[in-house]
Each structure stands twice: as C-alpha cells, then as structure tokens.
N, C-alpha and C. Protein backbone atom coordinates (compact mmCIF):
# COMPACT_ATOMS: atom_id res chain seq x y z
N UNK A 1 97.27 88.45 108.62
CA UNK A 1 96.91 87.19 108.02
C UNK A 1 96.36 87.42 106.63
N UNK A 2 96.48 86.41 105.83
CA UNK A 2 95.93 86.44 104.48
C UNK A 2 95.11 85.17 104.30
N UNK A 3 93.81 85.35 104.01
CA UNK A 3 92.93 84.20 103.79
C UNK A 3 91.93 84.54 102.70
N UNK A 4 91.38 83.48 102.11
CA UNK A 4 90.36 83.65 101.07
C UNK A 4 88.98 83.72 101.72
N UNK A 5 88.20 84.71 101.29
CA UNK A 5 86.87 84.95 101.86
C UNK A 5 85.86 83.97 101.26
N UNK A 6 85.15 83.26 102.14
CA UNK A 6 84.09 82.35 101.71
C UNK A 6 82.77 83.10 101.61
N UNK A 7 82.49 83.96 102.61
CA UNK A 7 81.27 84.76 102.58
C UNK A 7 81.44 86.04 103.39
N UNK A 8 80.70 87.05 102.99
CA UNK A 8 80.68 88.33 103.68
C UNK A 8 79.24 88.83 103.65
N UNK A 9 78.59 88.82 104.82
CA UNK A 9 77.16 89.11 104.87
C UNK A 9 76.90 90.23 105.88
N UNK A 10 76.13 91.22 105.43
CA UNK A 10 75.68 92.29 106.32
C UNK A 10 74.59 91.71 107.22
N UNK A 11 74.73 91.87 108.52
CA UNK A 11 73.81 91.25 109.48
C UNK A 11 72.57 92.09 109.77
N UNK A 12 72.43 93.24 109.14
CA UNK A 12 71.34 94.19 109.40
C UNK A 12 71.44 94.79 110.80
N UNK A 13 72.62 94.69 111.40
CA UNK A 13 72.86 95.33 112.70
C UNK A 13 73.74 96.55 112.48
N UNK A 14 73.45 97.60 113.23
CA UNK A 14 74.29 98.79 113.21
C UNK A 14 74.25 99.42 114.60
N UNK A 15 75.21 100.28 114.85
CA UNK A 15 75.25 100.98 116.13
C UNK A 15 75.98 102.30 115.95
N UNK A 16 75.66 103.24 116.82
CA UNK A 16 76.31 104.55 116.79
C UNK A 16 77.39 104.59 117.86
N UNK A 17 78.53 105.17 117.50
CA UNK A 17 79.63 105.34 118.44
C UNK A 17 80.16 106.76 118.31
N UNK A 18 81.17 107.07 119.07
CA UNK A 18 81.74 108.41 119.00
C UNK A 18 82.39 108.67 117.64
N UNK A 19 82.64 107.62 116.84
CA UNK A 19 83.24 107.76 115.51
C UNK A 19 82.21 107.66 114.40
N UNK A 20 80.94 107.63 114.75
CA UNK A 20 79.88 107.56 113.75
C UNK A 20 79.15 106.23 113.80
N UNK A 21 78.36 105.97 112.78
CA UNK A 21 77.58 104.74 112.71
C UNK A 21 78.42 103.62 112.09
N UNK A 22 78.34 102.43 112.70
CA UNK A 22 79.03 101.26 112.19
C UNK A 22 78.01 100.19 111.84
N UNK A 23 78.33 99.42 110.79
CA UNK A 23 77.48 98.35 110.31
C UNK A 23 78.22 97.04 110.51
N UNK A 24 77.52 96.04 111.06
CA UNK A 24 78.16 94.77 111.42
C UNK A 24 78.00 93.77 110.27
N UNK A 25 79.13 93.17 109.86
CA UNK A 25 79.16 92.17 108.80
C UNK A 25 79.75 90.88 109.38
N UNK A 26 79.21 89.76 108.99
CA UNK A 26 79.76 88.46 109.39
C UNK A 26 80.62 87.98 108.24
N UNK A 27 81.90 87.76 108.54
CA UNK A 27 82.86 87.32 107.54
C UNK A 27 83.28 85.89 107.86
N UNK A 28 83.26 85.03 106.84
CA UNK A 28 83.73 83.65 107.02
C UNK A 28 84.79 83.38 105.95
N UNK A 29 85.87 82.71 106.38
CA UNK A 29 86.95 82.37 105.47
C UNK A 29 86.86 80.90 105.09
N UNK A 30 87.54 80.51 104.02
CA UNK A 30 87.46 79.15 103.51
C UNK A 30 87.91 78.10 104.52
N UNK A 31 88.79 78.47 105.44
CA UNK A 31 89.26 77.49 106.43
C UNK A 31 88.29 77.34 107.60
N UNK A 32 87.14 78.03 107.55
CA UNK A 32 86.13 77.92 108.60
C UNK A 32 86.23 78.99 109.67
N UNK A 33 87.32 79.73 109.71
CA UNK A 33 87.44 80.81 110.70
C UNK A 33 86.67 82.03 110.21
N UNK A 34 86.57 83.01 111.07
CA UNK A 34 85.87 84.23 110.69
C UNK A 34 85.58 85.08 111.90
N UNK A 35 84.72 86.05 111.69
CA UNK A 35 84.36 86.94 112.77
C UNK A 35 83.53 88.09 112.26
N UNK A 36 83.41 89.10 113.10
CA UNK A 36 82.63 90.28 112.75
C UNK A 36 83.55 91.37 112.23
N UNK A 37 83.08 92.03 111.19
CA UNK A 37 83.76 93.22 110.66
C UNK A 37 82.80 94.38 110.84
N UNK A 38 83.25 95.42 111.52
CA UNK A 38 82.43 96.60 111.77
C UNK A 38 82.89 97.68 110.80
N UNK A 39 82.02 97.99 109.84
CA UNK A 39 82.36 98.88 108.74
C UNK A 39 81.59 100.19 108.85
N UNK A 40 82.14 101.23 108.25
CA UNK A 40 81.43 102.51 108.18
C UNK A 40 80.37 102.51 107.08
N UNK A 41 80.29 101.42 106.34
CA UNK A 41 79.33 101.32 105.25
C UNK A 41 78.56 100.00 105.35
N UNK A 42 77.27 100.03 105.00
CA UNK A 42 76.52 98.78 105.02
C UNK A 42 76.86 97.91 103.81
N UNK A 43 77.52 98.49 102.84
CA UNK A 43 77.97 97.72 101.67
C UNK A 43 79.50 97.75 101.62
N UNK A 44 80.13 97.13 102.58
CA UNK A 44 81.58 97.14 102.71
C UNK A 44 82.25 96.54 101.47
N UNK A 45 83.53 96.94 101.24
CA UNK A 45 84.25 96.43 100.07
C UNK A 45 85.65 95.90 100.43
N UNK A 46 85.86 95.56 101.68
CA UNK A 46 87.16 95.06 102.12
C UNK A 46 87.24 93.53 102.09
N UNK A 47 86.13 92.88 102.29
CA UNK A 47 86.09 91.42 102.29
C UNK A 47 85.11 90.98 101.20
N UNK A 48 85.66 90.51 100.09
CA UNK A 48 84.86 90.14 98.92
C UNK A 48 84.93 88.62 98.74
N UNK A 49 83.77 88.01 98.53
CA UNK A 49 83.69 86.56 98.36
C UNK A 49 84.65 86.10 97.25
N UNK A 50 85.37 85.00 97.54
CA UNK A 50 86.32 84.36 96.62
C UNK A 50 87.59 85.17 96.37
N UNK A 51 87.80 86.22 97.13
CA UNK A 51 89.05 86.98 97.02
C UNK A 51 89.83 86.86 98.32
N UNK A 52 91.16 86.95 98.21
CA UNK A 52 91.99 86.92 99.41
C UNK A 52 91.97 88.29 100.07
N UNK A 53 92.07 88.29 101.39
CA UNK A 53 92.06 89.54 102.15
C UNK A 53 93.12 89.49 103.24
N UNK A 54 93.83 90.60 103.39
CA UNK A 54 94.77 90.75 104.50
C UNK A 54 93.98 91.34 105.67
N UNK A 55 94.16 90.76 106.86
CA UNK A 55 93.41 91.25 108.01
C UNK A 55 94.13 90.87 109.29
N UNK A 56 93.68 91.49 110.36
CA UNK A 56 94.12 91.07 111.69
C UNK A 56 92.86 90.75 112.48
N UNK A 57 93.01 89.86 113.46
CA UNK A 57 91.85 89.51 114.26
C UNK A 57 92.17 89.68 115.74
N UNK A 58 91.14 90.08 116.48
CA UNK A 58 91.25 90.23 117.92
C UNK A 58 89.99 89.65 118.55
N UNK A 59 90.17 89.05 119.71
CA UNK A 59 89.01 88.53 120.44
C UNK A 59 88.62 89.56 121.49
N UNK A 60 87.37 89.98 121.44
CA UNK A 60 86.83 90.96 122.37
C UNK A 60 85.84 90.28 123.31
N UNK A 61 85.82 90.74 124.55
CA UNK A 61 84.90 90.19 125.54
C UNK A 61 83.79 91.22 125.76
N UNK A 62 82.56 90.84 125.36
CA UNK A 62 81.40 91.70 125.54
C UNK A 62 80.51 91.09 126.62
N UNK A 63 80.65 91.59 127.85
CA UNK A 63 79.83 91.11 128.97
C UNK A 63 79.86 89.59 129.10
N UNK A 64 81.05 89.02 129.03
CA UNK A 64 81.21 87.58 129.19
C UNK A 64 81.11 86.79 127.91
N UNK A 65 80.70 87.41 126.81
CA UNK A 65 80.63 86.73 125.52
C UNK A 65 81.84 87.12 124.69
N UNK A 66 82.60 86.14 124.25
CA UNK A 66 83.78 86.43 123.43
C UNK A 66 83.39 86.42 121.95
N UNK A 67 83.81 87.48 121.25
CA UNK A 67 83.56 87.59 119.82
C UNK A 67 84.87 87.91 119.11
N UNK A 68 85.04 87.32 117.94
CA UNK A 68 86.22 87.62 117.13
C UNK A 68 85.89 88.77 116.21
N UNK A 69 86.68 89.83 116.31
CA UNK A 69 86.54 90.99 115.42
C UNK A 69 87.68 90.95 114.43
N UNK A 70 87.38 91.18 113.18
CA UNK A 70 88.43 91.24 112.17
C UNK A 70 88.49 92.64 111.58
N UNK A 71 89.69 93.00 111.21
CA UNK A 71 89.93 94.34 110.69
C UNK A 71 90.83 94.22 109.47
N UNK A 72 90.42 94.80 108.34
CA UNK A 72 91.27 94.72 107.15
C UNK A 72 92.55 95.53 107.35
N UNK A 73 93.64 95.05 106.78
CA UNK A 73 94.89 95.80 106.82
C UNK A 73 95.47 95.82 105.42
N UNK A 74 96.26 96.83 105.15
CA UNK A 74 96.97 96.92 103.89
C UNK A 74 98.44 96.67 104.19
N UNK A 75 99.00 95.54 103.77
CA UNK A 75 100.38 95.21 104.12
C UNK A 75 101.39 96.22 103.58
N UNK A 76 101.02 96.97 102.54
CA UNK A 76 101.94 97.98 102.00
C UNK A 76 102.15 99.13 102.98
N UNK A 77 101.22 99.33 103.89
CA UNK A 77 101.33 100.44 104.83
C UNK A 77 101.62 99.97 106.24
N UNK A 78 102.00 98.74 106.39
CA UNK A 78 102.42 98.22 107.69
C UNK A 78 103.70 98.94 108.10
N UNK A 79 103.81 99.35 109.36
CA UNK A 79 104.97 100.12 109.82
C UNK A 79 106.30 99.44 109.55
N UNK A 80 106.35 98.10 109.61
CA UNK A 80 107.61 97.41 109.39
C UNK A 80 108.01 97.40 107.92
N UNK A 81 107.05 97.46 107.03
CA UNK A 81 107.39 97.34 105.61
C UNK A 81 106.90 98.54 104.81
N UNK A 82 106.86 99.68 105.43
CA UNK A 82 106.37 100.88 104.78
C UNK A 82 107.30 101.29 103.65
N UNK A 83 106.77 101.42 102.43
CA UNK A 83 107.63 101.84 101.33
C UNK A 83 108.00 103.31 101.49
N UNK A 84 109.19 103.65 101.08
CA UNK A 84 109.60 105.05 101.18
C UNK A 84 109.66 105.64 99.78
N UNK A 85 109.65 106.96 99.73
CA UNK A 85 109.71 107.66 98.46
C UNK A 85 111.06 107.38 97.81
N UNK A 86 111.12 107.42 96.48
CA UNK A 86 112.40 107.18 95.81
C UNK A 86 113.47 108.15 96.30
N UNK A 87 114.63 107.62 96.58
CA UNK A 87 115.73 108.46 97.04
C UNK A 87 115.67 108.79 98.52
N UNK A 88 114.65 108.28 99.21
CA UNK A 88 114.49 108.56 100.63
C UNK A 88 114.68 107.28 101.42
N UNK A 89 115.22 107.41 102.58
CA UNK A 89 115.38 106.25 103.45
C UNK A 89 114.35 106.36 104.57
N UNK A 90 113.88 105.22 105.04
CA UNK A 90 112.94 105.24 106.15
C UNK A 90 113.67 105.29 107.49
N UNK A 91 115.00 105.28 107.47
CA UNK A 91 115.73 105.31 108.74
C UNK A 91 115.60 106.67 109.39
N UNK A 92 115.43 106.70 110.70
CA UNK A 92 115.26 107.98 111.39
C UNK A 92 116.46 108.91 111.20
N UNK A 93 117.67 108.36 111.16
CA UNK A 93 118.84 109.21 111.03
C UNK A 93 118.81 110.01 109.73
N UNK A 94 118.55 109.34 108.62
CA UNK A 94 118.52 110.04 107.34
C UNK A 94 117.34 111.02 107.29
N UNK A 95 116.22 110.61 107.83
CA UNK A 95 115.04 111.49 107.85
C UNK A 95 115.34 112.75 108.67
N UNK A 96 115.95 112.59 109.83
CA UNK A 96 116.29 113.74 110.67
C UNK A 96 117.27 114.66 109.96
N UNK A 97 118.23 114.08 109.25
CA UNK A 97 119.21 114.88 108.52
C UNK A 97 118.52 115.70 107.42
N UNK A 98 117.56 115.08 106.74
CA UNK A 98 116.84 115.82 105.70
C UNK A 98 116.03 116.97 106.29
N UNK A 99 115.44 116.76 107.44
CA UNK A 99 114.67 117.83 108.09
C UNK A 99 115.59 118.99 108.47
N UNK A 100 116.75 118.67 109.02
CA UNK A 100 117.71 119.72 109.40
C UNK A 100 118.16 120.48 108.16
N UNK A 101 118.44 119.77 107.08
CA UNK A 101 118.90 120.44 105.85
C UNK A 101 117.81 121.35 105.27
N UNK A 102 116.57 120.88 105.31
CA UNK A 102 115.47 121.71 104.80
C UNK A 102 115.31 122.97 105.65
N UNK A 103 115.43 122.82 106.96
CA UNK A 103 115.33 123.96 107.86
C UNK A 103 116.49 124.93 107.61
N UNK A 104 117.70 124.40 107.44
CA UNK A 104 118.86 125.25 107.17
C UNK A 104 118.68 126.01 105.87
N UNK A 105 118.17 125.35 104.85
CA UNK A 105 117.94 126.00 103.56
C UNK A 105 116.92 127.12 103.68
N UNK A 106 115.85 126.86 104.41
CA UNK A 106 114.82 127.88 104.61
C UNK A 106 115.39 129.11 105.34
N UNK A 107 116.16 128.87 106.38
CA UNK A 107 116.75 130.00 107.12
C UNK A 107 117.80 130.73 106.31
N UNK A 108 118.54 130.04 105.48
CA UNK A 108 119.52 130.70 104.61
C UNK A 108 118.79 131.61 103.62
N UNK A 109 117.65 131.16 103.10
CA UNK A 109 116.85 132.00 102.19
C UNK A 109 116.37 133.26 102.91
N UNK A 110 115.99 133.13 104.17
CA UNK A 110 115.53 134.28 104.94
C UNK A 110 116.64 135.30 105.13
N UNK A 111 117.87 134.85 105.24
CA UNK A 111 118.99 135.75 105.44
C UNK A 111 119.43 136.39 104.13
N UNK A 112 119.60 135.59 103.09
CA UNK A 112 120.18 136.06 101.84
C UNK A 112 119.13 136.65 100.91
N UNK A 113 117.92 136.12 100.95
CA UNK A 113 116.91 136.49 99.97
C UNK A 113 116.92 135.42 98.89
N UNK A 114 116.33 135.72 97.75
CA UNK A 114 116.22 134.71 96.70
C UNK A 114 117.17 134.94 95.54
N UNK A 115 117.97 135.98 95.57
CA UNK A 115 118.76 136.36 94.41
C UNK A 115 120.02 135.52 94.21
N UNK A 116 120.67 135.09 95.27
CA UNK A 116 121.97 134.44 95.14
C UNK A 116 121.90 132.99 95.62
N UNK A 117 121.57 132.10 94.70
CA UNK A 117 121.38 130.69 95.05
C UNK A 117 122.66 130.08 95.60
N UNK A 118 123.80 130.41 95.01
CA UNK A 118 125.07 129.83 95.47
C UNK A 118 125.35 130.21 96.92
N UNK A 119 125.08 131.45 97.28
CA UNK A 119 125.31 131.89 98.65
C UNK A 119 124.30 131.24 99.61
N UNK A 120 123.06 131.08 99.16
CA UNK A 120 122.05 130.41 99.98
C UNK A 120 122.51 128.99 100.32
N UNK A 121 122.99 128.27 99.30
CA UNK A 121 123.44 126.90 99.52
C UNK A 121 124.66 126.85 100.44
N UNK A 122 125.59 127.80 100.28
CA UNK A 122 126.76 127.85 101.16
C UNK A 122 126.35 128.05 102.62
N UNK A 123 125.44 129.00 102.85
CA UNK A 123 125.00 129.27 104.22
C UNK A 123 124.19 128.10 104.78
N UNK A 124 123.34 127.52 103.96
CA UNK A 124 122.56 126.36 104.41
C UNK A 124 123.47 125.21 104.80
N UNK A 125 124.52 124.99 104.04
CA UNK A 125 125.46 123.92 104.36
C UNK A 125 126.18 124.20 105.68
N UNK A 126 126.54 125.44 105.90
CA UNK A 126 127.19 125.81 107.17
C UNK A 126 126.23 125.57 108.33
N UNK A 127 124.97 125.98 108.18
CA UNK A 127 123.99 125.77 109.25
C UNK A 127 123.79 124.29 109.55
N UNK A 128 123.58 123.50 108.50
CA UNK A 128 123.30 122.08 108.72
C UNK A 128 124.53 121.35 109.27
N UNK A 129 125.73 121.71 108.81
CA UNK A 129 126.95 121.09 109.35
C UNK A 129 127.09 121.40 110.83
N UNK A 130 126.75 122.61 111.23
CA UNK A 130 126.87 122.98 112.64
C UNK A 130 125.85 122.21 113.48
N UNK A 131 124.61 122.11 113.00
CA UNK A 131 123.56 121.40 113.76
C UNK A 131 123.84 119.90 113.82
N UNK A 132 124.20 119.31 112.68
CA UNK A 132 124.36 117.86 112.62
C UNK A 132 125.69 117.34 113.15
N UNK A 133 126.77 118.08 112.87
CA UNK A 133 128.10 117.56 113.18
C UNK A 133 128.91 118.44 114.13
N UNK A 134 128.37 119.60 114.49
CA UNK A 134 129.10 120.49 115.39
C UNK A 134 130.24 121.23 114.72
N UNK A 135 130.29 121.21 113.37
CA UNK A 135 131.36 121.91 112.64
C UNK A 135 130.98 123.37 112.47
N UNK A 136 131.87 124.23 112.86
CA UNK A 136 131.63 125.67 112.70
C UNK A 136 132.29 126.11 111.40
N UNK A 137 131.50 126.63 110.47
CA UNK A 137 132.02 127.03 109.17
C UNK A 137 132.06 128.53 109.02
N UNK A 138 132.70 128.99 107.97
CA UNK A 138 132.77 130.42 107.67
C UNK A 138 132.54 130.64 106.18
N UNK A 139 132.09 131.82 105.86
CA UNK A 139 131.93 132.24 104.47
C UNK A 139 132.86 133.43 104.27
N UNK A 140 133.56 133.42 103.18
CA UNK A 140 134.43 134.56 102.88
C UNK A 140 133.58 135.68 102.30
N UNK A 141 133.87 136.89 102.75
CA UNK A 141 133.11 138.04 102.26
C UNK A 141 133.61 138.44 100.87
N UNK A 142 132.64 138.66 99.98
CA UNK A 142 133.00 139.06 98.62
C UNK A 142 132.61 140.50 98.34
N UNK A 143 131.73 141.07 99.15
CA UNK A 143 131.39 142.49 98.99
C UNK A 143 130.99 143.03 100.35
N UNK A 144 130.80 144.33 100.44
CA UNK A 144 130.48 144.95 101.71
C UNK A 144 129.04 144.68 102.13
N UNK A 145 128.18 144.18 101.23
CA UNK A 145 126.79 143.89 101.56
C UNK A 145 126.60 142.48 102.12
N UNK A 146 127.64 141.65 102.09
CA UNK A 146 127.51 140.27 102.54
C UNK A 146 127.40 140.20 104.06
N UNK A 147 126.71 139.16 104.50
CA UNK A 147 126.60 138.91 105.94
C UNK A 147 127.89 138.25 106.41
N UNK A 148 128.39 138.61 107.58
CA UNK A 148 129.68 138.07 108.06
C UNK A 148 129.55 136.71 108.72
N UNK A 149 129.33 135.65 107.96
CA UNK A 149 129.24 134.31 108.52
C UNK A 149 130.52 133.60 108.26
C-alpha cells in the first residue's frame, strides 16, 4: 500500500526479542488508518509526517487483543518487480544458463591454465553445451601438449 503519513510518534515503549531491542511507534495515515511500527531505532525514518510511504499491514492477535502492525516495504525490491542487472534476465532459465556457463569457464581455466584464452573459451563452450543441451563436442588437437577433448 501507499499512503501519506499524518503522524509518526514514538510511544516510549520498547521490548527485547531474539532479534534485539525494538521500539514501538504509532503511525497514522491521512485516511485515518494506521497501526504500530516496531523499529530497531527509537528515531525511525521509514514513516515521515507529510510523506508517502509504501507499507504492508497485518493484524496480530495478542491475547485476544487485535492490533494492526505495519511494516515498511520498498517496491523496487518486491519479488514480482525486482529489477535485474543490465543485460541480465530475471528468468530462472537464463539465470541457470549463466551459472552453468560460469562454471564451465572456471573448469576450462583449471584444465588449460591462463595462457590460451581461445582454447579456454572453446572448452568452456563444449562443457556448457553438454550440460545444457546434451551436445557432445570435440576439440581438434593442434599440438602434442593439448588435452584430447
């Protein structure tokens, strides 16, 4: 949700949990809704008066008393709309293919060493093609020191 904050007040309440000390803030939005925000700081900076805030709310039952808890969210990091790095896809298929290619490149370096980049790339391509597509490739031998792939 996105709403404009009417007030954000520290209630002078705090409690210790397994994740550390939390400070309770009462947040009210311009439409009259609101709830408690439990922050790691007594001077929270997620809900600022007269500014819009993205948040989610949940109703919790504390010994028969229902309280609305609000939690700030960053829509840029929401799993459905997560931005990806330039040139990268967030699809699992492309991500898996990149992981296989990186692994193939690393193993080709272990076999060839660092001296012959062209041969490293040839071997890495053969490895990744075999893992991803089941294609069995070969490298032609150019000297007696080459590996027989």
